[in-house]
């Protein structure tokens, strides 16, 4: 009995030691993973800074690697598109473009907050903004009308196909019915001819008997 309890105590001790070791391993793994995440975040930040420095060199007119040239061109095009959209929004809101620095200035400001140039409200710019907004709206309407016309044309094609299919099926059924009717008529005519021949033979036989 004593040996049993000693063995049980030994096993419990070994199990506790194993669990303690596993817990320590889990803690160490989490610590290492945390270090990995920190290093990965550092790499991501450095890569962003590296890319920004390359693009800054590109904007300054310096030569960049051929592999980065295409990416820089794409970024430049997107920045130009963003600037154009921002100007459209500003003009719709009534802002005007500074004649000196080209930045957009709110309608209630007499001087450009970026370069200090005096801003004079331009009716032509306001009309231009209205024209651009009208053109954009007209383009949207045209696009919607074109989509609607295309949808109607597609539905008309579908309807024409369905009508054609129905007509084809009807013609096929009519042909089948006509063919069956012709077969039945032929069979009836043949039977009638056979009966007439039988009757004629009987009459001829009777006449011969007389």
N, C-alpha and C. Protein backbone atom coordinates (compact mmCIF):
# COMPACT_ATOMS: atom_id res chain seq x y z
N UNK A 1 0.83 -1.20 0.00
CA UNK A 1 0.00 0.00 0.00
C UNK A 1 0.87 1.26 0.00
N UNK A 2 1.93 1.17 0.78
CA UNK A 2 2.85 2.30 0.86
C UNK A 2 3.51 2.56 -0.49
N UNK A 3 3.88 1.45 -1.17
CA UNK A 3 4.50 1.59 -2.49
C UNK A 3 3.54 2.25 -3.48
N UNK A 4 2.25 1.92 -3.35
CA UNK A 4 1.25 2.50 -4.26
C UNK A 4 1.20 4.02 -4.12
N UNK A 5 1.15 4.50 -2.87
CA UNK A 5 1.07 5.94 -2.65
C UNK A 5 2.36 6.64 -3.06
N UNK A 6 3.49 5.96 -2.84
CA UNK A 6 4.76 6.55 -3.27
C UNK A 6 4.81 6.68 -4.79
N UNK A 7 4.34 5.62 -5.47
CA UNK A 7 4.31 5.66 -6.94
C UNK A 7 3.34 6.73 -7.44
N UNK A 8 2.18 6.85 -6.79
CA UNK A 8 1.19 7.86 -7.17
C UNK A 8 1.75 9.26 -6.98
N UNK A 9 2.43 9.47 -5.85
CA UNK A 9 3.02 10.79 -5.59
C UNK A 9 4.09 11.12 -6.61
N UNK A 10 4.87 10.09 -7.00
CA UNK A 10 5.91 10.31 -8.00
C UNK A 10 5.32 10.71 -9.34
N UNK A 11 4.22 10.02 -9.71
CA UNK A 11 3.58 10.33 -10.99
C UNK A 11 2.97 11.73 -10.98
N UNK A 12 2.35 12.09 -9.87
CA UNK A 12 1.77 13.43 -9.76
C UNK A 12 2.86 14.49 -9.88
N UNK A 13 3.99 14.22 -9.25
CA UNK A 13 5.10 15.17 -9.33
C UNK A 13 5.63 15.31 -10.75
N UNK A 14 5.75 14.17 -11.45
CA UNK A 14 6.22 14.21 -12.83
C UNK A 14 5.24 14.96 -13.73
N UNK A 15 3.94 14.71 -13.51
CA UNK A 15 2.91 15.40 -14.31
C UNK A 15 2.96 16.91 -14.08
N UNK A 16 3.11 17.29 -12.80
CA UNK A 16 3.18 18.72 -12.48
C UNK A 16 4.40 19.36 -13.12
N UNK A 17 5.52 18.63 -13.10
CA UNK A 17 6.75 19.16 -13.70
C UNK A 17 6.58 19.33 -15.22
N UNK A 18 5.92 18.32 -15.84
CA UNK A 18 5.69 18.39 -17.29
C UNK A 18 4.81 19.58 -17.65
N UNK A 19 3.73 19.77 -16.86
CA UNK A 19 2.83 20.90 -17.12
C UNK A 19 3.54 22.22 -16.91
N UNK A 20 4.40 22.27 -15.90
CA UNK A 20 5.15 23.51 -15.65
C UNK A 20 6.08 23.81 -16.83
N UNK A 21 6.73 22.75 -17.34
CA UNK A 21 7.62 22.94 -18.49
C UNK A 21 6.85 23.41 -19.72
N UNK A 22 5.66 22.81 -19.94
CA UNK A 22 4.85 23.20 -21.10
C UNK A 22 4.37 24.64 -20.96
N UNK A 23 3.99 25.02 -19.74
CA UNK A 23 3.56 26.40 -19.53
C UNK A 23 4.71 27.36 -19.79
N UNK A 24 5.90 26.96 -19.35
CA UNK A 24 7.07 27.80 -19.61
C UNK A 24 7.37 27.91 -21.10
N UNK A 25 7.19 26.79 -21.83
CA UNK A 25 7.41 26.81 -23.28
C UNK A 25 6.40 27.73 -23.96
N UNK A 26 5.13 27.65 -23.52
CA UNK A 26 4.10 28.50 -24.13
C UNK A 26 4.40 29.97 -23.90
N UNK A 27 4.85 30.31 -22.70
CA UNK A 27 5.19 31.70 -22.39
C UNK A 27 6.36 32.16 -23.26
N UNK A 28 7.35 31.29 -23.42
CA UNK A 28 8.52 31.63 -24.23
C UNK A 28 8.13 31.82 -25.69
N UNK A 29 7.22 30.95 -26.19
CA UNK A 29 6.76 31.07 -27.58
C UNK A 29 6.05 32.40 -27.79
N UNK A 30 5.17 32.77 -26.85
CA UNK A 30 4.46 34.03 -26.96
C UNK A 30 5.42 35.22 -26.93
N UNK A 31 6.46 35.12 -26.09
CA UNK A 31 7.44 36.20 -26.02
C UNK A 31 8.19 36.34 -27.34
N UNK A 32 8.56 35.20 -27.94
CA UNK A 32 9.26 35.24 -29.22
C UNK A 32 8.36 35.78 -30.34
N UNK A 33 7.08 35.35 -30.31
CA UNK A 33 6.14 35.85 -31.32
C UNK A 33 5.96 37.36 -31.19
N UNK A 34 5.92 37.85 -29.96
CA UNK A 34 5.79 39.29 -29.74
C UNK A 34 6.99 40.03 -30.32
N UNK A 35 8.18 39.46 -30.13
CA UNK A 35 9.37 40.08 -30.71
C UNK A 35 9.32 40.07 -32.24
N UNK A 36 8.80 38.95 -32.80
CA UNK A 36 8.68 38.87 -34.26
C UNK A 36 7.73 39.94 -34.78
N UNK A 37 6.58 40.11 -34.10
CA UNK A 37 5.62 41.14 -34.53
C UNK A 37 6.23 42.53 -34.46
N UNK A 38 6.98 42.79 -33.40
CA UNK A 38 7.62 44.09 -33.28
C UNK A 38 8.62 44.35 -34.39
N UNK A 39 9.42 43.33 -34.72
CA UNK A 39 10.39 43.47 -35.80
C UNK A 39 9.70 43.65 -37.15
N UNK A 40 8.59 42.90 -37.35
CA UNK A 40 7.84 43.02 -38.62
C UNK A 40 7.25 44.42 -38.77
N UNK A 41 6.71 44.97 -37.66
CA UNK A 41 6.19 46.34 -37.73
C UNK A 41 7.30 47.33 -38.06
N UNK A 42 8.46 47.11 -37.46
CA UNK A 42 9.59 47.99 -37.77
C UNK A 42 9.97 47.92 -39.23
N UNK A 43 9.97 46.70 -39.80
CA UNK A 43 10.27 46.55 -41.22
C UNK A 43 9.25 47.27 -42.09
N UNK A 44 7.96 47.15 -41.72
CA UNK A 44 6.91 47.79 -42.51
C UNK A 44 7.09 49.31 -42.52
N UNK A 45 7.40 49.88 -41.35
CA UNK A 45 7.62 51.33 -41.27
C UNK A 45 8.83 51.73 -42.11
N UNK A 46 9.92 50.96 -41.99
CA UNK A 46 11.13 51.29 -42.74
C UNK A 46 10.91 51.17 -44.25
N UNK A 47 10.13 50.15 -44.66
CA UNK A 47 9.84 50.00 -46.08
C UNK A 47 9.03 51.18 -46.60
N UNK A 48 8.08 51.65 -45.80
CA UNK A 48 7.30 52.82 -46.20
C UNK A 48 8.19 54.05 -46.33
N UNK A 49 9.09 54.22 -45.37
CA UNK A 49 10.01 55.35 -45.43
C UNK A 49 10.95 55.23 -46.63
N UNK A 50 11.38 54.00 -46.91
CA UNK A 50 12.25 53.77 -48.06
C UNK A 50 11.53 54.13 -49.36
N UNK A 51 10.26 53.66 -49.48
CA UNK A 51 9.49 53.99 -50.67
C UNK A 51 9.26 55.49 -50.80
N UNK A 52 8.98 56.15 -49.67
CA UNK A 52 8.75 57.60 -49.69
C UNK A 52 10.01 58.34 -50.11
N UNK A 53 11.15 57.88 -49.61
CA UNK A 53 12.40 58.55 -49.97
C UNK A 53 12.69 58.40 -51.46
N UNK A 54 12.38 57.22 -52.02
CA UNK A 54 12.59 57.01 -53.46
C UNK A 54 11.66 57.92 -54.26
N UNK A 55 10.40 58.04 -53.81
CA UNK A 55 9.45 58.88 -54.54
C UNK A 55 9.82 60.36 -54.41
N UNK A 56 10.34 60.75 -53.25
CA UNK A 56 10.79 62.14 -53.08
C UNK A 56 11.94 62.45 -54.04
N UNK A 57 12.84 61.49 -54.21
CA UNK A 57 13.93 61.67 -55.18
C UNK A 57 13.37 61.78 -56.59
N UNK A 58 12.36 60.97 -56.89
CA UNK A 58 11.73 60.99 -58.22
C UNK A 58 11.08 62.36 -58.48
N UNK A 59 10.36 62.88 -57.46
CA UNK A 59 9.71 64.19 -57.63
C UNK A 59 10.73 65.31 -57.76
N UNK A 60 11.89 65.13 -57.13
CA UNK A 60 12.94 66.15 -57.22
C UNK A 60 13.69 66.10 -58.54
N UNK A 61 13.34 65.13 -59.39
CA UNK A 61 13.98 65.04 -60.70
C UNK A 61 15.20 64.15 -60.73
N UNK A 62 15.48 63.48 -59.61
CA UNK A 62 16.64 62.59 -59.59
C UNK A 62 16.29 61.25 -60.26
N UNK A 63 17.32 60.60 -60.76
CA UNK A 63 17.12 59.30 -61.40
C UNK A 63 16.86 58.24 -60.33
N UNK A 64 15.91 57.36 -60.61
CA UNK A 64 15.60 56.26 -59.71
C UNK A 64 15.78 54.95 -60.46
N UNK A 65 15.78 53.86 -59.71
CA UNK A 65 15.96 52.55 -60.33
C UNK A 65 14.84 52.27 -61.34
N UNK A 66 15.18 51.54 -62.37
CA UNK A 66 14.20 51.24 -63.42
C UNK A 66 12.99 50.49 -62.85
N UNK A 67 13.22 49.62 -61.87
CA UNK A 67 12.11 48.86 -61.29
C UNK A 67 11.15 49.75 -60.52
N UNK A 68 11.64 50.91 -60.03
CA UNK A 68 10.79 51.83 -59.27
C UNK A 68 10.17 52.90 -60.15
N UNK A 69 10.66 53.06 -61.37
CA UNK A 69 10.18 54.13 -62.25
C UNK A 69 8.69 53.99 -62.54
N UNK A 70 8.25 52.78 -62.88
CA UNK A 70 6.84 52.57 -63.20
C UNK A 70 5.93 52.85 -62.02
N UNK A 71 6.35 52.43 -60.83
CA UNK A 71 5.55 52.69 -59.63
C UNK A 71 5.46 54.19 -59.35
N UNK A 72 6.57 54.88 -59.51
CA UNK A 72 6.56 56.33 -59.28
C UNK A 72 5.66 57.04 -60.29
N UNK A 73 5.70 56.60 -61.55
CA UNK A 73 4.83 57.20 -62.57
C UNK A 73 3.36 57.01 -62.21
N UNK A 74 3.02 55.80 -61.75
CA UNK A 74 1.62 55.52 -61.38
C UNK A 74 1.18 56.37 -60.20
N UNK A 75 2.06 56.53 -59.20
CA UNK A 75 1.73 57.36 -58.04
C UNK A 75 1.53 58.81 -58.47
N UNK A 76 2.39 59.30 -59.36
CA UNK A 76 2.27 60.68 -59.84
C UNK A 76 0.95 60.89 -60.57
N UNK A 77 0.56 59.94 -61.42
CA UNK A 77 -0.71 60.06 -62.15
C UNK A 77 -1.89 60.09 -61.20
N UNK A 78 -1.86 59.22 -60.17
CA UNK A 78 -2.96 59.21 -59.21
C UNK A 78 -3.02 60.50 -58.41
N UNK A 79 -1.86 61.05 -58.05
CA UNK A 79 -1.84 62.31 -57.32
C UNK A 79 -2.44 63.44 -58.17
N UNK A 80 -2.12 63.44 -59.47
CA UNK A 80 -2.67 64.46 -60.36
C UNK A 80 -4.19 64.32 -60.47
N UNK A 81 -4.67 63.07 -60.56
CA UNK A 81 -6.12 62.85 -60.63
C UNK A 81 -6.80 63.31 -59.34
N UNK A 82 -6.19 63.00 -58.20
CA UNK A 82 -6.75 63.42 -56.91
C UNK A 82 -6.82 64.94 -56.83
N UNK A 83 -5.74 65.61 -57.27
CA UNK A 83 -5.72 67.08 -57.24
C UNK A 83 -6.82 67.65 -58.13
N UNK A 84 -7.02 67.04 -59.30
CA UNK A 84 -8.08 67.52 -60.19
C UNK A 84 -9.45 67.38 -59.58
N UNK A 85 -9.72 66.24 -58.93
CA UNK A 85 -11.01 66.04 -58.28
C UNK A 85 -11.20 67.02 -57.12
N UNK A 86 -10.13 67.26 -56.36
CA UNK A 86 -10.23 68.20 -55.24
C UNK A 86 -10.54 69.61 -55.74
N UNK A 87 -9.95 69.99 -56.89
CA UNK A 87 -10.23 71.31 -57.45
C UNK A 87 -11.69 71.41 -57.89
N UNK A 88 -12.20 70.33 -58.49
CA UNK A 88 -13.61 70.34 -58.90
C UNK A 88 -14.52 70.52 -57.70
N UNK A 89 -14.22 69.80 -56.62
CA UNK A 89 -15.04 69.93 -55.40
C UNK A 89 -14.98 71.35 -54.87
N UNK A 90 -13.76 71.93 -54.85
CA UNK A 90 -13.59 73.29 -54.34
C UNK A 90 -14.35 74.30 -55.20
N UNK A 91 -14.31 74.12 -56.52
CA UNK A 91 -15.01 75.05 -57.41
C UNK A 91 -16.52 74.95 -57.23
N UNK A 92 -17.01 73.72 -57.05
CA UNK A 92 -18.44 73.55 -56.82
C UNK A 92 -18.86 74.28 -55.54
N UNK A 93 -17.96 74.28 -54.55
CA UNK A 93 -18.24 74.98 -53.29
C UNK A 93 -18.04 76.49 -53.40
N UNK A 94 -17.56 76.97 -54.56
CA UNK A 94 -17.39 78.40 -54.76
C UNK A 94 -15.99 78.90 -54.57
N UNK A 95 -15.02 78.02 -54.35
CA UNK A 95 -13.63 78.45 -54.17
C UNK A 95 -13.03 78.85 -55.51
N UNK A 96 -11.94 79.63 -55.45
CA UNK A 96 -11.25 80.06 -56.66
C UNK A 96 -9.79 79.66 -56.57
N UNK A 97 -9.13 79.61 -57.72
CA UNK A 97 -7.73 79.18 -57.77
C UNK A 97 -6.82 80.39 -57.67
N UNK A 98 -5.83 80.29 -56.79
CA UNK A 98 -4.86 81.38 -56.63
C UNK A 98 -4.03 81.52 -57.91
N UNK A 99 -3.93 82.74 -58.40
CA UNK A 99 -3.20 82.97 -59.64
C UNK A 99 -1.69 82.81 -59.48
N UNK A 100 -1.21 82.81 -58.23
CA UNK A 100 0.23 82.72 -58.00
C UNK A 100 0.68 81.29 -57.71
N UNK A 101 0.05 80.64 -56.72
CA UNK A 101 0.51 79.30 -56.32
C UNK A 101 -0.38 78.19 -56.85
N UNK A 102 -1.57 78.55 -57.36
CA UNK A 102 -2.45 77.54 -57.94
C UNK A 102 -3.28 76.77 -56.93
N UNK A 103 -3.17 77.11 -55.64
CA UNK A 103 -3.97 76.42 -54.63
C UNK A 103 -5.37 77.00 -54.62
N UNK A 104 -6.33 76.19 -54.13
CA UNK A 104 -7.72 76.61 -54.08
C UNK A 104 -7.97 77.40 -52.80
N UNK A 105 -8.65 78.55 -52.96
CA UNK A 105 -8.91 79.45 -51.84
C UNK A 105 -10.42 79.60 -51.67
N UNK A 106 -10.89 79.54 -50.42
CA UNK A 106 -12.32 79.66 -50.14
C UNK A 106 -12.84 81.01 -50.60
N UNK A 107 -14.14 81.05 -50.92
CA UNK A 107 -14.74 82.25 -51.50
C UNK A 107 -14.72 83.45 -50.54
N UNK A 108 -14.71 83.19 -49.23
CA UNK A 108 -14.79 84.29 -48.27
C UNK A 108 -13.41 84.81 -47.86
N UNK A 109 -12.35 84.38 -48.54
CA UNK A 109 -10.99 84.82 -48.19
C UNK A 109 -10.49 85.79 -49.24
N UNK A 110 -9.91 86.91 -48.76
CA UNK A 110 -9.41 87.95 -49.67
C UNK A 110 -7.97 87.69 -50.08
N UNK A 111 -7.24 86.90 -49.26
CA UNK A 111 -5.84 86.60 -49.56
C UNK A 111 -5.62 85.08 -49.49
N UNK A 112 -4.71 84.62 -50.31
CA UNK A 112 -4.40 83.19 -50.32
C UNK A 112 -3.69 82.82 -49.02
N UNK A 113 -4.18 81.83 -48.28
CA UNK A 113 -3.54 81.46 -47.02
C UNK A 113 -2.22 80.72 -47.21
N UNK A 114 -1.88 80.37 -48.45
CA UNK A 114 -0.67 79.60 -48.71
C UNK A 114 0.50 80.49 -49.15
N UNK A 115 0.19 81.52 -49.97
CA UNK A 115 1.28 82.37 -50.46
C UNK A 115 1.05 83.86 -50.17
N UNK A 116 -0.15 84.22 -49.68
CA UNK A 116 -0.43 85.61 -49.34
C UNK A 116 -0.89 86.46 -50.50
N UNK A 117 -1.03 85.89 -51.68
CA UNK A 117 -1.47 86.65 -52.86
C UNK A 117 -2.92 87.08 -52.69
N UNK A 118 -3.23 88.30 -53.15
CA UNK A 118 -4.59 88.80 -53.09
C UNK A 118 -5.45 88.02 -54.08
N UNK A 119 -6.60 87.62 -53.63
CA UNK A 119 -7.49 86.80 -54.45
C UNK A 119 -8.65 87.66 -54.92
N UNK A 120 -8.89 87.64 -56.23
CA UNK A 120 -10.03 88.34 -56.80
C UNK A 120 -11.01 87.30 -57.32
N UNK A 121 -12.24 87.41 -56.87
CA UNK A 121 -13.25 86.44 -57.30
C UNK A 121 -13.46 86.56 -58.79
N UNK A 122 -13.48 85.47 -59.46
CA UNK A 122 -13.62 85.44 -60.91
C UNK A 122 -14.96 84.83 -61.30
N UNK A 123 -15.77 85.63 -61.98
CA UNK A 123 -17.06 85.11 -62.42
C UNK A 123 -16.86 84.02 -63.47
N UNK A 124 -15.78 84.18 -64.27
CA UNK A 124 -15.52 83.17 -65.29
C UNK A 124 -15.23 81.81 -64.66
N UNK A 125 -14.49 81.83 -63.53
CA UNK A 125 -14.19 80.57 -62.86
C UNK A 125 -15.45 79.95 -62.29
N UNK A 126 -16.34 80.81 -61.76
CA UNK A 126 -17.60 80.28 -61.23
C UNK A 126 -18.43 79.67 -62.35
N UNK A 127 -18.47 80.39 -63.50
CA UNK A 127 -19.22 79.85 -64.64
C UNK A 127 -18.58 78.55 -65.14
N UNK A 128 -17.24 78.52 -65.12
CA UNK A 128 -16.54 77.31 -65.55
C UNK A 128 -16.88 76.14 -64.64
N UNK A 129 -16.95 76.41 -63.32
CA UNK A 129 -17.30 75.35 -62.38
C UNK A 129 -18.72 74.85 -62.64
N UNK A 130 -19.63 75.81 -62.90
CA UNK A 130 -21.01 75.41 -63.19
C UNK A 130 -21.08 74.59 -64.47
N UNK A 131 -20.30 75.03 -65.49
CA UNK A 131 -20.29 74.28 -66.75
C UNK A 131 -19.74 72.87 -66.56
N UNK A 132 -18.68 72.75 -65.75
CA UNK A 132 -18.11 71.43 -65.49
C UNK A 132 -19.11 70.53 -64.78
N UNK A 133 -19.81 71.12 -63.79
CA UNK A 133 -20.82 70.34 -63.06
C UNK A 133 -21.93 69.91 -64.00
N UNK A 134 -22.35 70.85 -64.90
CA UNK A 134 -23.41 70.51 -65.85
C UNK A 134 -22.95 69.43 -66.82
N UNK A 135 -21.69 69.53 -67.27
CA UNK A 135 -21.16 68.52 -68.18
C UNK A 135 -21.09 67.15 -67.51
N UNK A 136 -20.66 67.15 -66.25
CA UNK A 136 -20.59 65.88 -65.51
C UNK A 136 -21.98 65.26 -65.39
N UNK A 137 -22.97 66.12 -65.07
CA UNK A 137 -24.34 65.62 -64.93
C UNK A 137 -24.85 65.09 -66.27
N UNK A 138 -24.55 65.84 -67.36
CA UNK A 138 -24.99 65.40 -68.68
C UNK A 138 -24.35 64.07 -69.05
N UNK A 139 -23.07 63.91 -68.72
CA UNK A 139 -22.39 62.65 -69.01
C UNK A 139 -23.02 61.50 -68.24
N UNK A 140 -23.38 61.76 -66.98
CA UNK A 140 -24.03 60.72 -66.18
C UNK A 140 -25.38 60.34 -66.78
N UNK A 141 -26.15 61.37 -67.22
CA UNK A 141 -27.45 61.09 -67.82
C UNK A 141 -27.29 60.29 -69.11
N UNK A 142 -26.30 60.68 -69.94
CA UNK A 142 -26.06 59.95 -71.19
C UNK A 142 -25.69 58.51 -70.92
N UNK A 143 -24.84 58.32 -69.91
CA UNK A 143 -24.41 56.96 -69.58
C UNK A 143 -25.59 56.11 -69.12
N UNK A 144 -26.46 56.72 -68.28
CA UNK A 144 -27.64 55.97 -67.81
C UNK A 144 -28.58 55.66 -68.96
N UNK A 145 -28.76 56.64 -69.89
CA UNK A 145 -29.63 56.40 -71.04
C UNK A 145 -29.07 55.30 -71.93
N UNK A 146 -27.75 55.31 -72.11
CA UNK A 146 -27.12 54.27 -72.93
C UNK A 146 -27.30 52.90 -72.28
N UNK A 147 -27.14 52.85 -70.95
CA UNK A 147 -27.34 51.58 -70.25
C UNK A 147 -28.79 51.10 -70.39
N UNK A 148 -29.74 52.07 -70.27
CA UNK A 148 -31.15 51.70 -70.39
C UNK A 148 -31.46 51.20 -71.79
N UNK A 149 -30.91 51.89 -72.82
CA UNK A 149 -31.14 51.46 -74.20
C UNK A 149 -30.56 50.07 -74.44
N UNK A 150 -29.38 49.83 -73.88
CA UNK A 150 -28.76 48.51 -74.04
C UNK A 150 -29.60 47.43 -73.37
N UNK A 151 -30.14 47.77 -72.19
CA UNK A 151 -30.99 46.80 -71.49
C UNK A 151 -32.24 46.49 -72.30
N UNK A 152 -32.87 47.55 -72.86
CA UNK A 152 -34.07 47.34 -73.68
C UNK A 152 -33.74 46.49 -74.90
N UNK A 153 -32.60 46.77 -75.54
CA UNK A 153 -32.21 45.99 -76.72
C UNK A 153 -31.98 44.53 -76.35
N UNK A 154 -31.34 44.30 -75.21
CA UNK A 154 -31.11 42.92 -74.77
C UNK A 154 -32.43 42.19 -74.52
N UNK A 155 -33.37 42.90 -73.87
CA UNK A 155 -34.67 42.27 -73.60
C UNK A 155 -35.42 42.00 -74.90
N UNK A 156 -35.30 42.94 -75.86
CA UNK A 156 -35.96 42.73 -77.15
C UNK A 156 -35.38 41.50 -77.86
N UNK A 157 -34.06 41.37 -77.79
CA UNK A 157 -33.42 40.19 -78.40
C UNK A 157 -33.90 38.90 -77.73
N UNK A 158 -33.99 38.93 -76.40
CA UNK A 158 -34.46 37.75 -75.68
C UNK A 158 -35.90 37.41 -76.07
N UNK A 159 -36.75 38.47 -76.18
CA UNK A 159 -38.14 38.23 -76.56
C UNK A 159 -38.23 37.66 -77.97
N UNK A 160 -37.40 38.22 -78.89
CA UNK A 160 -37.41 37.72 -80.27
C UNK A 160 -36.97 36.26 -80.32
N UNK A 161 -35.96 35.92 -79.53
CA UNK A 161 -35.50 34.53 -79.50
C UNK A 161 -36.59 33.60 -78.97
N UNK A 162 -37.28 34.05 -77.91
CA UNK A 162 -38.35 33.23 -77.35
C UNK A 162 -39.48 33.02 -78.36
N UNK A 163 -39.85 34.14 -79.06
CA UNK A 163 -40.90 34.02 -80.08
C UNK A 163 -40.47 33.07 -81.18
N UNK A 164 -39.20 33.20 -81.61
CA UNK A 164 -38.69 32.31 -82.64
C UNK A 164 -38.71 30.85 -82.20
N UNK A 165 -38.31 30.61 -80.95
CA UNK A 165 -38.34 29.24 -80.43
C UNK A 165 -39.76 28.69 -80.39
N UNK A 166 -40.70 29.54 -79.92
CA UNK A 166 -42.10 29.10 -79.85
C UNK A 166 -42.65 28.82 -81.25
N UNK A 167 -42.30 29.69 -82.22
CA UNK A 167 -42.78 29.48 -83.58
C UNK A 167 -42.20 28.19 -84.16
N UNK A 168 -40.92 27.96 -83.88
CA UNK A 168 -40.30 26.73 -84.37
C UNK A 168 -40.95 25.49 -83.79
N UNK A 169 -41.22 25.54 -82.47
CA UNK A 169 -41.88 24.40 -81.83
C UNK A 169 -43.28 24.19 -82.39
N UNK A 170 -44.01 25.32 -82.60
CA UNK A 170 -45.37 25.21 -83.15
C UNK A 170 -45.34 24.62 -84.56
N UNK A 171 -44.36 25.09 -85.36
CA UNK A 171 -44.25 24.56 -86.72
C UNK A 171 -43.92 23.07 -86.70
N UNK A 172 -43.04 22.69 -85.78
CA UNK A 172 -42.68 21.28 -85.68
C UNK A 172 -43.89 20.44 -85.30
N UNK A 173 -44.66 20.95 -84.31
CA UNK A 173 -45.86 20.21 -83.90
C UNK A 173 -46.87 20.13 -85.05
N UNK A 174 -47.04 21.26 -85.77
CA UNK A 174 -47.98 21.26 -86.91
C UNK A 174 -47.55 20.26 -87.97
N UNK A 175 -46.24 20.23 -88.23
CA UNK A 175 -45.73 19.26 -89.21
C UNK A 175 -45.98 17.84 -88.77
N UNK A 176 -45.77 17.57 -87.48
CA UNK A 176 -46.01 16.21 -86.97
C UNK A 176 -47.48 15.83 -87.11
N UNK A 177 -48.36 16.80 -86.76
CA UNK A 177 -49.81 16.51 -86.86
C UNK A 177 -50.21 16.25 -88.31
N UNK A 178 -49.69 17.10 -89.23
CA UNK A 178 -50.03 16.92 -90.65
C UNK A 178 -49.51 15.58 -91.17
N UNK A 179 -48.31 15.21 -90.74
CA UNK A 179 -47.74 13.95 -91.18
C UNK A 179 -48.57 12.76 -90.68
N UNK A 180 -48.97 12.85 -89.40
CA UNK A 180 -49.80 11.77 -88.85
C UNK A 180 -51.16 11.70 -89.55
N UNK A 181 -51.74 12.89 -89.84
CA UNK A 181 -53.03 12.91 -90.53
C UNK A 181 -52.91 12.31 -91.92
N UNK A 182 -51.80 12.63 -92.61
CA UNK A 182 -51.59 12.07 -93.96
C UNK A 182 -51.44 10.56 -93.89
N UNK A 183 -50.72 10.08 -92.87
CA UNK A 183 -50.56 8.63 -92.73
C UNK A 183 -51.90 7.95 -92.49
N UNK A 184 -52.71 8.56 -91.59
CA UNK A 184 -54.02 7.97 -91.31
C UNK A 184 -54.92 8.00 -92.54
N UNK A 185 -54.87 9.12 -93.28
CA UNK A 185 -55.69 9.23 -94.51
C UNK A 185 -55.27 8.17 -95.52
N UNK A 186 -53.97 7.97 -95.66
CA UNK A 186 -53.48 6.95 -96.58
C UNK A 186 -53.93 5.56 -96.17
N UNK A 187 -53.85 5.30 -94.86
CA UNK A 187 -54.29 3.98 -94.37
C UNK A 187 -55.78 3.77 -94.63
N UNK A 188 -56.58 4.82 -94.36
CA UNK A 188 -58.02 4.71 -94.58
C UNK A 188 -58.34 4.51 -96.06
N UNK A 189 -57.61 5.25 -96.92
CA UNK A 189 -57.85 5.11 -98.37
C UNK A 189 -57.48 3.70 -98.83
N UNK A 190 -56.39 3.17 -98.29
CA UNK A 190 -55.97 1.82 -98.68
C UNK A 190 -57.00 0.78 -98.24
N UNK A 191 -57.50 0.96 -96.99
CA UNK A 191 -58.52 0.02 -96.51
C UNK A 191 -59.79 0.11 -97.35
N UNK A 192 -60.18 1.35 -97.71
CA UNK A 192 -61.38 1.52 -98.53
C UNK A 192 -61.19 0.87 -99.90
N UNK A 193 -59.99 1.04 -100.47
CA UNK A 193 -59.72 0.43 -101.78
C UNK A 193 -59.78 -1.08 -101.69
N UNK A 194 -59.24 -1.61 -100.60
CA UNK A 194 -59.27 -3.07 -100.42
C UNK A 194 -60.72 -3.56 -100.31
N UNK A 195 -61.54 -2.83 -99.56
CA UNK A 195 -62.95 -3.23 -99.42
C UNK A 195 -63.67 -3.17 -100.76
N UNK A 196 -63.38 -2.10 -101.54
CA UNK A 196 -64.02 -1.97 -102.86
C UNK A 196 -63.60 -3.12 -103.76
N UNK A 197 -62.33 -3.47 -103.71
CA UNK A 197 -61.84 -4.58 -104.53
C UNK A 197 -62.51 -5.90 -104.12
N UNK A 198 -62.64 -6.09 -102.79
CA UNK A 198 -63.31 -7.31 -102.31
C UNK A 198 -64.75 -7.36 -102.80
N UNK A 199 -65.45 -6.23 -102.71
CA UNK A 199 -66.85 -6.20 -103.14
C UNK A 199 -66.96 -6.45 -104.64
N UNK A 200 -66.03 -5.86 -105.40
CA UNK A 200 -66.06 -6.05 -106.86
C UNK A 200 -65.81 -7.51 -107.21
N UNK A 201 -64.89 -8.15 -106.50
CA UNK A 201 -64.61 -9.56 -106.76
C UNK A 201 -65.83 -10.43 -106.45
N UNK A 202 -66.51 -10.10 -105.34
CA UNK A 202 -67.71 -10.87 -104.98
C UNK A 202 -68.80 -10.72 -106.05
N UNK A 203 -68.99 -9.47 -106.52
CA UNK A 203 -70.01 -9.24 -107.56
C UNK A 203 -69.64 -10.00 -108.83
N UNK A 204 -68.35 -9.96 -109.17
CA UNK A 204 -67.90 -10.66 -110.38
C UNK A 204 -68.10 -12.16 -110.25
N UNK A 205 -67.84 -12.71 -109.07
CA UNK A 205 -68.03 -14.14 -108.85
C UNK A 205 -69.49 -14.51 -109.00
N UNK A 206 -70.39 -13.70 -108.46
CA UNK A 206 -71.82 -14.00 -108.56
C UNK A 206 -72.29 -13.95 -110.02
N UNK A 207 -71.79 -12.97 -110.76
CA UNK A 207 -72.18 -12.87 -112.16
C UNK A 207 -71.68 -14.08 -112.94
N UNK A 208 -70.52 -14.55 -112.63
CA UNK A 208 -69.98 -15.71 -113.32
C UNK A 208 -70.78 -16.97 -112.99
N UNK A 209 -71.26 -17.03 -111.76
CA UNK A 209 -72.05 -18.19 -111.36
C UNK A 209 -73.35 -18.25 -112.14
N UNK A 210 -73.95 -17.10 -112.42
CA UNK A 210 -75.20 -17.06 -113.17
C UNK A 210 -74.93 -17.38 -114.64
